[in-house]
Amino acid sequence: MAQAQTKPIDLYYWPTPNGWKITIMLEECGLPYEIKLINIGKGEQFEPSFLKISPNNRIPAIVDHDGPGGAPISVFESGAILQYLARKTGKFYPSDERKRVAVEEWLFWQMGGLGPMSGQANHFRIYAPEKVEYGINRYTNEVNRLYGVMNRQLADHEYLAGEYSIADIASIGWMKSAERLGQNLNDFPHLKRWHDAVLARPAVERGIAVGSDVPRPNLATDKDAQAVLFGQKSR
C-alpha cells in the first residue's frame, strides 16, 4: 500500500499542455504539491538551480521530498513524472503486465507523436514570423492523422488503454487546442466523446486551472519571449 505523502511535492511548472499533465495527475491522486512557477517566456528555465533538476531546461519537473527510502528525488520529463507518480500511488497505471503495456504504448505515442506534432503545428500556424505553407500543411495534416488514430482506438475503448490512465492524462491537454491546430473535433466523434468526458473530470478541471491567472506573454507579438523560446541553441 502506498504511504501517505507527508511533505508537498515541489512542481516546477508553467501552464502549458505538458505542465497540465502533472497538475492533473497530482489532483487525480490527491497528492499535496507546491507550485514553483518557471516563467519560460523570461528564460527562468535556464537558471542553474533549475537545470540541476531539469537538465533539458524544460518544464515540468518535480522534487518529491518523500522519495524512495524516504530520501528526496527529482524527476524531469512529463512522461517519466507520470510513471513515477503512478507507481508511487498505485493509480492510473495497472500492475497487470498486459494492461500496463497498453498504457505505455499510448503514453509513449503521446510523448513521441501527439505532443511534438501538435507543438509544431501550433508553431507554424500561430507563431512563425513567416507563414510557411509547407510547414503549416505538413504538421496540420499529421495532427489530423493522429486524431484519426485516436478516433479509431476510442471507437471500441472508453479510454485510450481501456481504463482511465496516465495515457489519457498525458493526452488531454494537447486536445484543448484542436481548433487552433486546424482540427474540428466533430470530424472525430469517438475522440470528441473521450475529450468531453475527460475534461469533465473534476481533477482535470482543477489541474488545468492551475496558473490560469498568471500573466503570460503573447508569443505571437512578444519578440523577447520569442527569442527565448524559439531561438535556443546549445549553451
Protein backbone atom coordinates (compact mmCIF):
# COMPACT_ATOMS: atom_id res chain seq x y z
CA MET A 1 0.00 0.00 0.00
CA ALA A 2 1.29 3.45 -0.88
CA GLN A 3 2.47 5.52 2.07
CA ALA A 4 0.83 8.82 2.92
CA GLN A 5 2.60 11.86 1.49
CA THR A 6 3.92 13.88 4.42
CA LYS A 7 5.59 16.71 2.51
CA PRO A 8 4.29 18.56 -0.54
CA ILE A 9 5.86 17.71 -3.86
CA ASP A 10 7.59 20.67 -5.47
CA LEU A 11 6.26 21.09 -9.01
CA TYR A 12 8.30 23.29 -11.33
CA TYR A 13 5.59 24.44 -13.66
CA TRP A 14 4.20 26.77 -16.27
CA PRO A 15 0.60 26.49 -17.54
CA THR A 16 1.19 24.55 -20.77
CA PRO A 17 -0.08 21.18 -22.03
CA ASN A 18 3.00 19.48 -20.60
CA GLY A 19 2.63 21.27 -17.30
CA TRP A 20 -1.05 20.33 -17.08
CA LYS A 21 -0.16 16.65 -17.28
CA ILE A 22 1.36 16.84 -13.84
CA THR A 23 -1.13 19.15 -12.14
CA ILE A 24 -3.90 16.85 -13.38
CA MET A 25 -2.09 13.76 -12.10
CA LEU A 26 -1.39 15.31 -8.71
CA GLU A 27 -5.03 16.36 -8.41
CA GLU A 28 -6.26 12.93 -9.50
CA CYS A 29 -4.02 11.25 -6.92
CA GLY A 30 -4.82 13.71 -4.15
CA LEU A 31 -1.14 14.39 -3.52
CA PRO A 32 -0.15 17.67 -1.84
CA TYR A 33 2.07 19.84 -4.02
CA GLU A 34 3.58 23.29 -4.13
CA ILE A 35 3.85 25.19 -7.39
CA LYS A 36 7.23 26.66 -8.31
CA LEU A 37 6.47 28.85 -11.32
CA ILE A 38 9.11 28.85 -14.05
CA ASN A 39 8.39 31.72 -16.43
CA ILE A 40 9.58 30.18 -19.68
CA GLY A 41 8.95 33.42 -21.58
CA LYS A 42 11.56 35.17 -19.43
CA GLY A 43 14.15 32.40 -19.57
CA GLU A 44 13.84 31.20 -15.99
CA GLN A 45 14.23 27.63 -17.26
CA PHE A 46 17.92 28.37 -17.84
CA GLU A 47 18.65 29.21 -14.20
CA PRO A 48 21.40 26.91 -12.83
CA SER A 49 19.23 25.87 -9.88
CA PHE A 50 16.52 24.66 -12.25
CA LEU A 51 18.97 22.93 -14.59
CA LYS A 52 20.10 20.75 -11.69
CA ILE A 53 16.57 19.38 -11.60
CA SER A 54 15.73 19.53 -15.31
CA PRO A 55 18.92 19.37 -17.42
CA ASN A 56 16.89 19.73 -20.63
CA ASN A 57 15.73 23.19 -19.44
CA ARG A 58 12.07 22.27 -19.86
CA ILE A 59 9.09 22.18 -17.54
CA PRO A 60 7.63 20.26 -15.84
CA ALA A 61 9.92 18.77 -13.22
CA ILE A 62 9.30 17.67 -9.65
CA VAL A 63 11.14 17.17 -6.41
CA ASP A 64 9.49 14.59 -4.19
CA HIS A 65 10.81 15.05 -0.66
CA ASP A 66 9.24 11.71 0.29
CA GLY A 67 11.05 9.78 -2.40
CA PRO A 68 12.19 6.14 -2.37
CA GLY A 69 13.58 5.19 1.01
CA GLY A 70 12.41 8.50 2.43
CA ALA A 71 15.06 10.49 0.54
CA PRO A 72 14.24 13.30 -1.90
CA ILE A 73 14.21 12.54 -5.61
CA SER A 74 13.93 14.85 -8.60
CA VAL A 75 12.27 13.77 -11.84
CA PHE A 76 12.15 15.58 -15.17
CA GLU A 77 10.25 14.76 -18.40
CA SER A 78 6.48 14.68 -18.11
CA GLY A 79 6.10 11.02 -19.10
CA ALA A 80 8.66 9.91 -16.53
CA ILE A 81 6.95 12.02 -13.87
CA LEU A 82 3.58 10.45 -14.68
CA GLN A 83 5.04 6.96 -14.41
CA TYR A 84 6.79 7.82 -11.15
CA LEU A 85 3.68 9.26 -9.53
CA ALA A 86 1.58 6.35 -10.78
CA ARG A 87 3.99 3.80 -9.29
CA LYS A 88 4.16 5.81 -6.09
CA THR A 89 0.40 5.89 -5.63
CA GLY A 90 -0.66 2.75 -7.44
CA LYS A 91 -3.14 4.77 -9.51
CA PHE A 92 -3.88 5.01 -13.25
CA TYR A 93 -1.09 2.55 -14.17
CA PRO A 94 -2.20 -1.09 -13.83
CA SER A 95 0.07 -3.72 -12.32
CA ASP A 96 -1.12 -6.38 -14.78
CA GLU A 97 1.65 -6.53 -17.39
CA ARG A 98 -0.62 -6.70 -20.45
CA LYS A 99 -2.68 -3.75 -19.27
CA ARG A 100 0.46 -1.83 -18.33
CA VAL A 101 1.95 -2.38 -21.78
CA ALA A 102 -1.22 -0.93 -23.33
CA VAL A 103 -0.91 2.18 -21.15
CA GLU A 104 2.77 2.57 -22.03
CA GLU A 105 2.07 2.23 -25.74
CA TRP A 106 -0.33 5.16 -25.67
CA LEU A 107 1.77 7.18 -23.23
CA PHE A 108 4.81 6.96 -25.50
CA TRP A 109 2.63 7.54 -28.55
CA GLN A 110 1.65 10.84 -26.97
CA MET A 111 5.21 11.71 -25.99
CA GLY A 112 6.66 10.91 -29.40
CA GLY A 113 3.76 11.88 -31.65
CA LEU A 114 0.74 13.81 -30.46
CA GLY A 115 2.68 16.28 -28.31
CA PRO A 116 5.56 17.14 -30.66
CA MET A 117 3.41 17.25 -33.79
CA SER A 118 0.80 19.43 -32.10
CA GLY A 119 3.55 21.72 -30.91
CA GLN A 120 4.97 22.07 -34.42
CA ALA A 121 1.53 22.68 -35.90
CA ASN A 122 0.88 25.35 -33.30
CA HIS A 123 4.24 26.99 -34.01
CA PHE A 124 3.88 27.14 -37.79
CA ARG A 125 0.20 28.14 -37.70
CA ILE A 126 0.39 30.76 -34.92
CA TYR A 127 3.92 31.85 -34.02
CA ALA A 128 6.18 31.54 -37.05
CA PRO A 129 7.17 35.03 -38.25
CA GLU A 130 6.75 33.85 -41.83
CA LYS A 131 3.80 31.75 -42.96
CA VAL A 132 5.49 28.70 -44.44
CA GLU A 133 2.79 26.82 -46.32
CA TYR A 134 4.72 23.56 -46.40
CA GLY A 135 5.28 23.60 -42.63
CA ILE A 136 1.66 24.50 -41.91
CA ASN A 137 0.32 21.75 -44.15
CA ARG A 138 2.87 19.16 -43.01
CA TYR A 139 2.07 19.43 -39.32
CA THR A 140 -1.63 20.21 -39.62
CA ASN A 141 -2.06 17.06 -41.69
CA GLU A 142 0.00 14.98 -39.27
CA VAL A 143 -2.10 16.13 -36.33
CA ASN A 144 -5.18 15.21 -38.34
CA ARG A 145 -3.74 11.74 -38.92
CA LEU A 146 -3.02 11.33 -35.20
CA TYR A 147 -6.56 12.40 -34.33
CA GLY A 148 -7.75 9.67 -36.66
CA VAL A 149 -5.59 7.13 -34.83
CA MET A 150 -7.16 8.16 -31.54
CA ASN A 151 -10.65 8.15 -33.00
CA ARG A 152 -10.26 4.56 -34.21
CA GLN A 153 -8.88 3.41 -30.87
CA LEU A 154 -11.68 5.11 -28.96
CA ALA A 155 -14.37 3.59 -31.17
CA ASP A 156 -14.27 0.46 -29.02
CA HIS A 157 -12.35 1.64 -25.93
CA GLU A 158 -13.74 4.03 -23.34
CA TYR A 159 -10.27 5.42 -22.79
CA LEU A 160 -7.05 5.08 -24.76
CA ALA A 161 -5.82 1.95 -22.97
CA GLY A 162 -9.25 0.71 -21.91
CA GLU A 163 -9.45 2.14 -18.41
CA TYR A 164 -8.64 5.76 -17.49
CA SER A 165 -4.87 6.02 -17.14
CA ILE A 166 -1.81 8.22 -17.35
CA ALA A 167 -2.08 7.88 -21.15
CA ASP A 168 -5.31 9.89 -21.08
CA ILE A 169 -3.85 12.37 -18.61
CA ALA A 170 -0.86 12.88 -20.92
CA SER A 171 -3.02 13.46 -23.99
CA ILE A 172 -5.91 15.64 -22.87
CA GLY A 173 -4.03 18.95 -22.55
CA TRP A 174 -2.95 18.82 -26.17
CA MET A 175 -6.54 18.29 -27.30
CA LYS A 176 -7.73 21.60 -25.85
CA SER A 177 -6.11 23.42 -28.77
CA ALA A 178 -7.74 21.42 -31.56
CA GLU A 179 -9.28 24.44 -33.27
CA ARG A 180 -6.07 26.47 -33.38
CA LEU A 181 -4.33 23.39 -34.78
CA GLY A 182 -6.75 23.41 -37.69
CA GLN A 183 -8.83 20.48 -36.45
CA ASN A 184 -12.57 20.04 -35.96
CA LEU A 185 -13.36 17.52 -33.23
CA ASN A 186 -16.80 16.99 -34.75
CA ASP A 187 -14.99 15.13 -37.52
CA PHE A 188 -13.84 12.59 -34.90
CA PRO A 189 -16.94 11.58 -32.90
CA HIS A 190 -15.27 8.96 -30.69
CA LEU A 191 -12.41 11.31 -29.92
CA LYS A 192 -14.85 14.11 -29.12
CA ARG A 193 -16.75 11.81 -26.72
CA TRP A 194 -13.48 10.99 -24.94
CA HIS A 195 -12.35 14.65 -24.96
CA ASP A 196 -15.58 15.85 -23.34
CA ALA A 197 -15.59 13.05 -20.77
CA VAL A 198 -12.01 13.61 -19.65
CA LEU A 199 -12.34 17.40 -19.44
CA ALA A 200 -15.44 16.92 -17.27
CA ARG A 201 -13.46 15.11 -14.57
CA PRO A 202 -13.16 17.43 -11.53
CA ALA A 203 -9.46 16.72 -11.07
CA VAL A 204 -8.80 17.55 -14.73
CA GLU A 205 -10.67 20.82 -14.36
CA ARG A 206 -8.64 21.69 -11.26
CA GLY A 207 -5.36 20.69 -12.84
CA ILE A 208 -5.87 22.79 -15.96
CA ALA A 209 -6.95 25.77 -13.84
CA VAL A 210 -3.60 25.90 -12.01
CA GLY A 211 -1.81 29.07 -13.07
CA SER A 212 -4.63 30.24 -15.32
CA ASP A 213 -4.45 33.65 -13.64
CA VAL A 214 -0.72 34.05 -14.28
CA PRO A 215 0.08 36.81 -16.81
CA ARG A 216 1.62 35.23 -19.89
CA PRO A 217 3.34 36.84 -22.86
CA ASN A 218 1.62 36.96 -26.22
CA LEU A 219 4.01 34.78 -28.14
CA ALA A 220 2.60 35.97 -31.44
CA THR A 221 3.88 39.51 -30.76
CA ASP A 222 6.38 39.42 -27.85
CA LYS A 223 9.77 39.43 -29.57
CA ASP A 224 11.75 38.93 -26.36
CA ALA A 225 9.75 35.84 -25.42
CA GLN A 226 10.04 34.53 -28.98
CA ALA A 227 13.82 34.88 -28.79
CA VAL A 228 13.89 32.91 -25.54
CA LEU A 229 11.56 30.13 -26.65
CA PHE A 230 12.27 29.81 -30.35
CA GLY A 231 15.91 30.82 -30.69
CA GLN A 232 17.56 28.37 -28.35
CA LYS A 233 20.91 26.79 -29.16
CA SER A 234 23.38 24.81 -27.12
CA ARG A 235 24.53 26.77 -24.08
